[in-house]
Amino acid sequence: MSMSPLLRSALPDDYAVIATWINNIQACARWAGPQLPFPFASADLPALLAKPQAQDLVLIDVNKDVVGFAQFWQRDERRTHLGRIIVSPAARGLGYGRVLCEQLMRRAIAETGSSVLSLRVYRDNEGALHLYCQLGFVAVENDSNEEVLAMEYQV
C-alpha cells in the first residue's frame, strides 16, 4: 500500500524548494503579505516567515518531495490562524491542497485546543475559496475587504 502524503515540520533544506514556487513580487505578496521582501534568499525564508509560536509545516508526497507549505499560530486563547498556505505549482490540481489543509487543521486543533480556526484568502483565488468552503470555513465579511476574504471554522 502506498504511503499517504505526510505533514511534517519544515527543515532548513525545504525552504530552498519553497522559494522556487514564488517567482514574482505579486505572488510573494499574495502568499506571505506585503512585508515579505522580494526577491529573497531562500536561506532567509525561515526568519522572514517567523511569527511568535508559529509552526512551519510542509506536506511531502510518496517520493518524499515537498509539495506544500503552511503555518499556524495562535491568535488568542480560542483562535488559531492558518496562513501562508501554498502548494507547489507542479502539484496543483492533484488534491494536495485538500490533504494539506485537512492535516493542517487537525494538527492545529490537536496542538492548540483552539475552538476556532481562521484564515484569509484572496477572493479571486477560486480554487482555494471553494476548498475552504468544502472544509467547513465560512466567510467573516466584517473582517474582510474587497480583495481578501476572512474565513473561520468552528471546531
N, C-alpha and C. Protein backbone atom coordinates (compact mmCIF):
# COMPACT_ATOMS: atom_id res chain seq x y z
N MET A 1 0.85 -1.19 0.00
CA MET A 1 0.00 0.00 0.00
C MET A 1 0.88 1.24 0.00
N SER A 2 0.56 2.23 -0.83
CA SER A 2 1.40 3.43 -0.92
C SER A 2 1.17 4.34 0.28
N MET A 3 2.23 5.03 0.63
CA MET A 3 2.17 5.95 1.76
C MET A 3 1.37 7.20 1.38
N SER A 4 0.58 7.70 2.30
CA SER A 4 -0.17 8.94 2.06
C SER A 4 0.76 10.13 2.22
N PRO A 5 0.40 11.26 1.62
CA PRO A 5 1.17 12.48 1.88
C PRO A 5 1.21 12.76 3.38
N LEU A 6 2.31 13.30 3.83
CA LEU A 6 2.55 13.47 5.26
C LEU A 6 2.91 14.92 5.57
N LEU A 7 2.30 15.45 6.62
CA LEU A 7 2.63 16.79 7.11
C LEU A 7 3.72 16.65 8.16
N ARG A 8 4.81 17.41 7.99
CA ARG A 8 5.89 17.38 8.98
C ARG A 8 6.46 18.79 9.15
N SER A 9 7.24 18.96 10.21
CA SER A 9 7.89 20.25 10.44
C SER A 9 8.86 20.54 9.30
N ALA A 10 8.92 21.80 8.89
CA ALA A 10 9.82 22.20 7.82
C ALA A 10 11.27 22.09 8.29
N LEU A 11 12.12 21.63 7.40
CA LEU A 11 13.56 21.53 7.65
C LEU A 11 14.27 22.61 6.84
N PRO A 12 15.50 22.96 7.23
CA PRO A 12 16.19 24.05 6.52
C PRO A 12 16.23 23.88 5.00
N ASP A 13 16.47 22.67 4.50
CA ASP A 13 16.56 22.46 3.05
C ASP A 13 15.22 22.66 2.34
N ASP A 14 14.12 22.53 3.06
CA ASP A 14 12.79 22.67 2.44
C ASP A 14 12.57 24.07 1.89
N TYR A 15 13.14 25.07 2.54
CA TYR A 15 12.88 26.45 2.14
C TYR A 15 13.43 26.77 0.75
N ALA A 16 14.50 26.10 0.35
CA ALA A 16 15.04 26.30 -0.99
C ALA A 16 14.04 25.83 -2.05
N VAL A 17 13.32 24.75 -1.75
CA VAL A 17 12.29 24.24 -2.66
C VAL A 17 11.12 25.22 -2.71
N ILE A 18 10.65 25.63 -1.54
CA ILE A 18 9.51 26.54 -1.45
C ILE A 18 9.81 27.85 -2.18
N ALA A 19 11.04 28.33 -2.06
CA ALA A 19 11.43 29.60 -2.69
C ALA A 19 11.24 29.56 -4.21
N THR A 20 11.40 28.38 -4.82
CA THR A 20 11.25 28.28 -6.27
C THR A 20 9.79 28.43 -6.71
N TRP A 21 8.85 28.30 -5.78
CA TRP A 21 7.43 28.42 -6.13
C TRP A 21 6.99 29.88 -6.22
N ILE A 22 7.78 30.79 -5.67
CA ILE A 22 7.42 32.22 -5.59
C ILE A 22 8.30 32.95 -6.57
N ASN A 23 7.76 33.28 -7.76
CA ASN A 23 8.65 33.79 -8.80
C ASN A 23 8.44 35.25 -9.17
N ASN A 24 7.57 35.96 -8.46
CA ASN A 24 7.43 37.40 -8.71
C ASN A 24 6.88 38.09 -7.47
N ILE A 25 6.96 39.41 -7.48
CA ILE A 25 6.59 40.18 -6.29
C ILE A 25 5.11 40.04 -5.96
N GLN A 26 4.26 39.91 -7.00
CA GLN A 26 2.82 39.76 -6.74
C GLN A 26 2.54 38.42 -6.06
N ALA A 27 3.16 37.36 -6.56
CA ALA A 27 2.96 36.04 -5.95
C ALA A 27 3.46 36.04 -4.51
N CYS A 28 4.56 36.73 -4.28
CA CYS A 28 5.13 36.80 -2.93
C CYS A 28 4.17 37.51 -1.98
N ALA A 29 3.66 38.66 -2.41
CA ALA A 29 2.76 39.44 -1.55
C ALA A 29 1.46 38.68 -1.28
N ARG A 30 0.94 38.00 -2.30
CA ARG A 30 -0.31 37.25 -2.11
C ARG A 30 -0.11 36.07 -1.18
N TRP A 31 1.07 35.48 -1.20
CA TRP A 31 1.34 34.32 -0.36
C TRP A 31 1.65 34.72 1.08
N ALA A 32 2.54 35.67 1.26
CA ALA A 32 3.08 35.92 2.60
C ALA A 32 2.84 37.33 3.11
N GLY A 33 2.20 38.18 2.29
CA GLY A 33 1.94 39.54 2.73
C GLY A 33 2.98 40.52 2.19
N PRO A 34 2.62 41.79 2.13
CA PRO A 34 3.50 42.79 1.52
C PRO A 34 4.78 43.06 2.31
N GLN A 35 4.83 42.62 3.56
CA GLN A 35 6.03 42.87 4.36
C GLN A 35 7.18 41.93 4.00
N LEU A 36 6.89 40.85 3.28
CA LEU A 36 7.97 39.93 2.88
C LEU A 36 8.66 40.49 1.65
N PRO A 37 9.96 40.77 1.72
CA PRO A 37 10.64 41.37 0.57
C PRO A 37 10.77 40.37 -0.57
N PHE A 38 10.80 40.90 -1.79
CA PHE A 38 11.06 40.07 -2.97
C PHE A 38 12.00 40.84 -3.86
N PRO A 39 13.06 40.23 -4.40
CA PRO A 39 13.41 38.83 -4.16
C PRO A 39 13.99 38.62 -2.77
N PHE A 40 14.01 37.36 -2.35
CA PHE A 40 14.57 37.00 -1.06
C PHE A 40 15.51 35.81 -1.26
N ALA A 41 16.46 35.65 -0.34
CA ALA A 41 17.33 34.47 -0.35
C ALA A 41 16.60 33.35 0.38
N SER A 42 16.60 32.16 -0.20
CA SER A 42 15.86 31.06 0.43
C SER A 42 16.37 30.78 1.85
N ALA A 43 17.65 31.02 2.10
CA ALA A 43 18.21 30.80 3.44
C ALA A 43 17.59 31.76 4.46
N ASP A 44 17.08 32.90 3.97
CA ASP A 44 16.47 33.89 4.87
C ASP A 44 14.99 33.61 5.14
N LEU A 45 14.38 32.71 4.37
CA LEU A 45 12.94 32.49 4.49
C LEU A 45 12.47 32.13 5.90
N PRO A 46 13.14 31.21 6.61
CA PRO A 46 12.64 30.89 7.96
C PRO A 46 12.52 32.13 8.84
N ALA A 47 13.51 33.00 8.79
CA ALA A 47 13.46 34.22 9.62
C ALA A 47 12.41 35.19 9.10
N LEU A 48 12.29 35.31 7.77
CA LEU A 48 11.31 36.23 7.19
C LEU A 48 9.88 35.81 7.49
N LEU A 49 9.65 34.51 7.59
CA LEU A 49 8.30 33.99 7.84
C LEU A 49 7.99 33.83 9.32
N ALA A 50 9.00 34.05 10.16
CA ALA A 50 8.84 33.77 11.59
C ALA A 50 7.75 34.63 12.22
N LYS A 51 6.94 33.99 13.04
CA LYS A 51 5.94 34.65 13.87
C LYS A 51 6.03 33.99 15.24
N PRO A 52 5.69 34.70 16.30
CA PRO A 52 5.77 34.08 17.63
C PRO A 52 4.94 32.79 17.70
N GLN A 53 5.56 31.74 18.12
CA GLN A 53 4.92 30.42 18.29
C GLN A 53 4.36 29.83 17.00
N ALA A 54 4.76 30.37 15.86
CA ALA A 54 4.27 29.79 14.61
C ALA A 54 4.98 28.47 14.33
N GLN A 55 4.25 27.55 13.74
CA GLN A 55 4.84 26.30 13.27
C GLN A 55 4.89 26.34 11.76
N ASP A 56 6.06 26.05 11.20
CA ASP A 56 6.26 25.93 9.76
C ASP A 56 6.16 24.45 9.41
N LEU A 57 5.25 24.12 8.51
CA LEU A 57 4.99 22.72 8.17
C LEU A 57 5.04 22.52 6.67
N VAL A 58 5.49 21.34 6.25
CA VAL A 58 5.49 21.01 4.83
C VAL A 58 4.73 19.70 4.63
N LEU A 59 4.12 19.59 3.45
CA LEU A 59 3.48 18.34 3.04
C LEU A 59 4.45 17.65 2.09
N ILE A 60 4.76 16.38 2.39
CA ILE A 60 5.62 15.63 1.49
C ILE A 60 4.81 14.51 0.84
N ASP A 61 5.13 14.25 -0.43
CA ASP A 61 4.40 13.21 -1.17
C ASP A 61 5.06 11.85 -0.96
N VAL A 62 4.60 10.86 -1.70
CA VAL A 62 5.10 9.49 -1.52
C VAL A 62 6.59 9.38 -1.86
N ASN A 63 7.09 10.29 -2.70
CA ASN A 63 8.52 10.29 -3.06
C ASN A 63 9.36 11.13 -2.10
N LYS A 64 8.71 11.62 -1.03
CA LYS A 64 9.34 12.50 -0.03
C LYS A 64 9.71 13.87 -0.60
N ASP A 65 9.06 14.25 -1.70
CA ASP A 65 9.24 15.60 -2.25
C ASP A 65 8.29 16.55 -1.54
N VAL A 66 8.76 17.77 -1.31
CA VAL A 66 7.92 18.79 -0.68
C VAL A 66 6.93 19.30 -1.72
N VAL A 67 5.63 19.17 -1.42
CA VAL A 67 4.59 19.61 -2.36
C VAL A 67 3.69 20.69 -1.77
N GLY A 68 3.88 21.03 -0.49
CA GLY A 68 3.06 22.07 0.12
C GLY A 68 3.73 22.64 1.34
N PHE A 69 3.29 23.84 1.73
CA PHE A 69 3.80 24.52 2.92
C PHE A 69 2.65 25.27 3.56
N ALA A 70 2.68 25.36 4.88
CA ALA A 70 1.70 26.17 5.61
C ALA A 70 2.23 26.45 7.01
N GLN A 71 1.62 27.43 7.65
CA GLN A 71 1.93 27.76 9.03
C GLN A 71 0.64 27.82 9.83
N PHE A 72 0.76 27.67 11.14
CA PHE A 72 -0.34 28.07 12.02
C PHE A 72 0.24 28.72 13.26
N TRP A 73 -0.53 29.65 13.81
CA TRP A 73 -0.13 30.31 15.05
C TRP A 73 -1.39 30.71 15.80
N GLN A 74 -1.27 30.70 17.12
CA GLN A 74 -2.40 31.04 17.97
C GLN A 74 -2.57 32.55 18.04
N ARG A 75 -3.77 33.03 17.75
CA ARG A 75 -4.07 34.46 17.83
C ARG A 75 -4.52 34.85 19.23
N ASP A 76 -5.24 33.97 19.88
CA ASP A 76 -5.65 34.18 21.28
C ASP A 76 -6.01 32.81 21.86
N GLU A 77 -6.59 32.80 23.04
CA GLU A 77 -6.83 31.52 23.73
C GLU A 77 -7.71 30.56 22.94
N ARG A 78 -8.62 31.09 22.14
CA ARG A 78 -9.55 30.19 21.45
C ARG A 78 -9.38 30.15 19.93
N ARG A 79 -8.49 30.96 19.40
CA ARG A 79 -8.40 31.11 17.94
C ARG A 79 -6.98 30.85 17.43
N THR A 80 -6.89 29.99 16.42
CA THR A 80 -5.62 29.73 15.75
C THR A 80 -5.76 30.08 14.29
N HIS A 81 -4.75 30.78 13.76
CA HIS A 81 -4.77 31.22 12.37
C HIS A 81 -3.94 30.28 11.50
N LEU A 82 -4.48 29.92 10.35
CA LEU A 82 -3.78 29.13 9.34
C LEU A 82 -3.32 30.10 8.27
N GLY A 83 -2.05 30.08 7.93
CA GLY A 83 -1.56 31.06 6.97
C GLY A 83 -0.46 30.55 6.07
N ARG A 84 -0.22 31.37 5.04
CA ARG A 84 0.87 31.11 4.09
C ARG A 84 0.77 29.71 3.49
N ILE A 85 -0.46 29.33 3.21
CA ILE A 85 -0.75 28.01 2.64
C ILE A 85 -0.42 28.06 1.15
N ILE A 86 0.42 27.13 0.70
CA ILE A 86 0.78 27.10 -0.71
C ILE A 86 1.09 25.66 -1.13
N VAL A 87 0.71 25.34 -2.37
CA VAL A 87 1.03 24.05 -2.96
C VAL A 87 1.97 24.31 -4.13
N SER A 88 2.94 23.44 -4.31
CA SER A 88 3.87 23.54 -5.43
C SER A 88 3.10 23.71 -6.73
N PRO A 89 3.52 24.65 -7.60
CA PRO A 89 2.81 24.81 -8.88
C PRO A 89 2.70 23.51 -9.67
N ALA A 90 3.73 22.67 -9.60
CA ALA A 90 3.71 21.40 -10.34
C ALA A 90 2.73 20.39 -9.75
N ALA A 91 2.33 20.60 -8.50
CA ALA A 91 1.45 19.64 -7.81
C ALA A 91 0.01 20.13 -7.69
N ARG A 92 -0.30 21.30 -8.26
CA ARG A 92 -1.65 21.85 -8.13
C ARG A 92 -2.65 21.04 -8.95
N GLY A 93 -3.87 20.96 -8.44
CA GLY A 93 -4.92 20.24 -9.14
C GLY A 93 -4.91 18.74 -8.90
N LEU A 94 -4.05 18.29 -7.99
CA LEU A 94 -3.92 16.85 -7.73
C LEU A 94 -4.47 16.44 -6.36
N GLY A 95 -5.08 17.39 -5.65
CA GLY A 95 -5.67 17.07 -4.36
C GLY A 95 -4.78 17.34 -3.16
N TYR A 96 -3.57 17.82 -3.42
CA TYR A 96 -2.65 18.09 -2.30
C TYR A 96 -3.13 19.25 -1.43
N GLY A 97 -3.79 20.22 -2.02
CA GLY A 97 -4.30 21.34 -1.22
C GLY A 97 -5.27 20.86 -0.16
N ARG A 98 -6.16 19.95 -0.54
CA ARG A 98 -7.12 19.39 0.42
C ARG A 98 -6.40 18.62 1.52
N VAL A 99 -5.47 17.76 1.14
CA VAL A 99 -4.73 16.96 2.12
C VAL A 99 -3.94 17.87 3.05
N LEU A 100 -3.27 18.87 2.48
CA LEU A 100 -2.51 19.83 3.29
C LEU A 100 -3.42 20.51 4.31
N CYS A 101 -4.55 21.01 3.85
CA CYS A 101 -5.45 21.74 4.75
C CYS A 101 -6.08 20.83 5.80
N GLU A 102 -6.50 19.63 5.40
CA GLU A 102 -7.09 18.70 6.37
C GLU A 102 -6.09 18.35 7.47
N GLN A 103 -4.86 18.04 7.08
CA GLN A 103 -3.84 17.68 8.08
C GLN A 103 -3.45 18.89 8.91
N LEU A 104 -3.38 20.06 8.28
CA LEU A 104 -3.05 21.30 8.99
C LEU A 104 -4.12 21.61 10.04
N MET A 105 -5.38 21.48 9.67
CA MET A 105 -6.49 21.74 10.59
C MET A 105 -6.42 20.79 11.79
N ARG A 106 -6.24 19.49 11.51
CA ARG A 106 -6.17 18.50 12.59
C ARG A 106 -5.02 18.81 13.54
N ARG A 107 -3.87 19.14 12.98
CA ARG A 107 -2.69 19.40 13.81
C ARG A 107 -2.87 20.67 14.64
N ALA A 108 -3.39 21.71 14.02
CA ALA A 108 -3.59 22.98 14.74
C ALA A 108 -4.56 22.78 15.91
N ILE A 109 -5.65 22.06 15.68
CA ILE A 109 -6.64 21.81 16.74
C ILE A 109 -6.02 20.96 17.84
N ALA A 110 -5.31 19.90 17.45
CA ALA A 110 -4.73 18.99 18.44
C ALA A 110 -3.68 19.69 19.31
N GLU A 111 -2.89 20.56 18.69
CA GLU A 111 -1.77 21.16 19.43
C GLU A 111 -2.15 22.41 20.21
N THR A 112 -3.23 23.08 19.81
CA THR A 112 -3.59 24.33 20.49
C THR A 112 -4.86 24.22 21.32
N GLY A 113 -5.72 23.26 21.00
CA GLY A 113 -7.01 23.17 21.68
C GLY A 113 -7.96 24.29 21.30
N SER A 114 -7.65 25.01 20.20
CA SER A 114 -8.50 26.13 19.78
C SER A 114 -9.88 25.66 19.37
N SER A 115 -10.87 26.53 19.57
CA SER A 115 -12.24 26.22 19.15
C SER A 115 -12.58 26.89 17.83
N VAL A 116 -11.69 27.77 17.35
CA VAL A 116 -11.91 28.46 16.08
C VAL A 116 -10.60 28.47 15.29
N LEU A 117 -10.69 28.13 14.00
CA LEU A 117 -9.57 28.29 13.08
C LEU A 117 -9.92 29.42 12.13
N SER A 118 -8.94 30.27 11.82
CA SER A 118 -9.19 31.36 10.89
C SER A 118 -8.17 31.31 9.76
N LEU A 119 -8.53 31.91 8.64
CA LEU A 119 -7.61 32.08 7.52
C LEU A 119 -8.11 33.24 6.68
N ARG A 120 -7.26 33.66 5.76
CA ARG A 120 -7.62 34.72 4.82
C ARG A 120 -7.30 34.22 3.42
N VAL A 121 -8.16 34.56 2.46
CA VAL A 121 -7.97 34.09 1.09
C VAL A 121 -8.35 35.22 0.13
N TYR A 122 -7.56 35.36 -0.94
CA TYR A 122 -7.93 36.33 -1.97
C TYR A 122 -9.23 35.88 -2.62
N ARG A 123 -10.16 36.82 -2.79
CA ARG A 123 -11.48 36.48 -3.33
C ARG A 123 -11.40 35.89 -4.73
N ASP A 124 -10.34 36.26 -5.49
CA ASP A 124 -10.23 35.74 -6.86
C ASP A 124 -9.51 34.38 -6.92
N ASN A 125 -9.13 33.84 -5.78
CA ASN A 125 -8.49 32.53 -5.73
C ASN A 125 -9.60 31.47 -5.59
N GLU A 126 -10.27 31.22 -6.72
CA GLU A 126 -11.49 30.41 -6.69
C GLU A 126 -11.25 28.99 -6.21
N GLY A 127 -10.12 28.40 -6.59
CA GLY A 127 -9.84 27.03 -6.16
C GLY A 127 -9.71 26.93 -4.65
N ALA A 128 -8.94 27.85 -4.06
CA ALA A 128 -8.75 27.83 -2.61
C ALA A 128 -10.06 28.16 -1.89
N LEU A 129 -10.78 29.14 -2.40
CA LEU A 129 -12.05 29.55 -1.78
C LEU A 129 -13.04 28.37 -1.76
N HIS A 130 -13.14 27.67 -2.87
CA HIS A 130 -14.02 26.51 -2.97
C HIS A 130 -13.60 25.43 -1.97
N LEU A 131 -12.29 25.16 -1.90
CA LEU A 131 -11.78 24.15 -0.97
C LEU A 131 -12.11 24.52 0.47
N TYR A 132 -11.85 25.78 0.86
CA TYR A 132 -12.09 26.18 2.24
C TYR A 132 -13.57 26.07 2.59
N CYS A 133 -14.45 26.40 1.65
CA CYS A 133 -15.89 26.24 1.89
C CYS A 133 -16.24 24.76 2.09
N GLN A 134 -15.67 23.89 1.25
CA GLN A 134 -15.91 22.45 1.39
C GLN A 134 -15.43 21.92 2.73
N LEU A 135 -14.35 22.51 3.25
CA LEU A 135 -13.79 22.07 4.53
C LEU A 135 -14.57 22.61 5.73
N GLY A 136 -15.55 23.49 5.47
CA GLY A 136 -16.40 23.99 6.55
C GLY A 136 -16.10 25.41 7.01
N PHE A 137 -15.20 26.11 6.32
CA PHE A 137 -14.93 27.51 6.66
C PHE A 137 -16.07 28.38 6.14
N VAL A 138 -16.41 29.42 6.90
CA VAL A 138 -17.45 30.36 6.48
C VAL A 138 -16.87 31.77 6.47
N ALA A 139 -17.41 32.60 5.59
CA ALA A 139 -16.93 33.97 5.43
C ALA A 139 -17.24 34.81 6.66
N VAL A 140 -16.30 35.68 7.00
CA VAL A 140 -16.49 36.68 8.06
C VAL A 140 -16.31 38.04 7.39
N GLU A 141 -17.41 38.55 6.82
CA GLU A 141 -17.32 39.76 5.99
C GLU A 141 -16.84 40.98 6.77
N ASN A 142 -17.18 41.08 8.06
CA ASN A 142 -16.79 42.30 8.79
C ASN A 142 -15.29 42.34 9.11
N ASP A 143 -14.57 41.25 8.81
CA ASP A 143 -13.12 41.22 8.99
C ASP A 143 -12.43 41.12 7.63
N SER A 144 -13.18 41.39 6.56
CA SER A 144 -12.69 41.22 5.19
C SER A 144 -12.58 42.57 4.50
N ASN A 145 -12.01 42.56 3.30
CA ASN A 145 -12.03 43.75 2.45
C ASN A 145 -12.37 43.32 1.02
N GLU A 146 -12.31 44.25 0.07
CA GLU A 146 -12.78 43.87 -1.26
C GLU A 146 -11.86 42.88 -1.96
N GLU A 147 -10.61 42.79 -1.54
CA GLU A 147 -9.67 41.84 -2.15
C GLU A 147 -9.58 40.53 -1.39
N VAL A 148 -9.61 40.61 -0.06
CA VAL A 148 -9.31 39.45 0.79
C VAL A 148 -10.51 39.12 1.66
N LEU A 149 -10.85 37.83 1.69
CA LEU A 149 -11.96 37.34 2.49
C LEU A 149 -11.41 36.64 3.73
N ALA A 150 -11.88 37.05 4.89
CA ALA A 150 -11.56 36.35 6.14
C ALA A 150 -12.56 35.21 6.29
N MET A 151 -12.07 34.06 6.76
CA MET A 151 -12.94 32.90 6.94
C MET A 151 -12.64 32.26 8.29
N GLU A 152 -13.65 31.60 8.86
CA GLU A 152 -13.49 30.91 10.14
C GLU A 152 -14.11 29.52 10.07
N TYR A 153 -13.53 28.64 10.86
CA TYR A 153 -14.04 27.28 11.02
C TYR A 153 -14.27 27.06 12.51
N GLN A 154 -15.48 26.66 12.86
CA GLN A 154 -15.81 26.37 14.26
C GLN A 154 -15.52 24.90 14.53
N VAL A 155 -14.67 24.63 15.50
CA VAL A 155 -14.30 23.25 15.82
C VAL A 155 -15.46 22.56 16.52
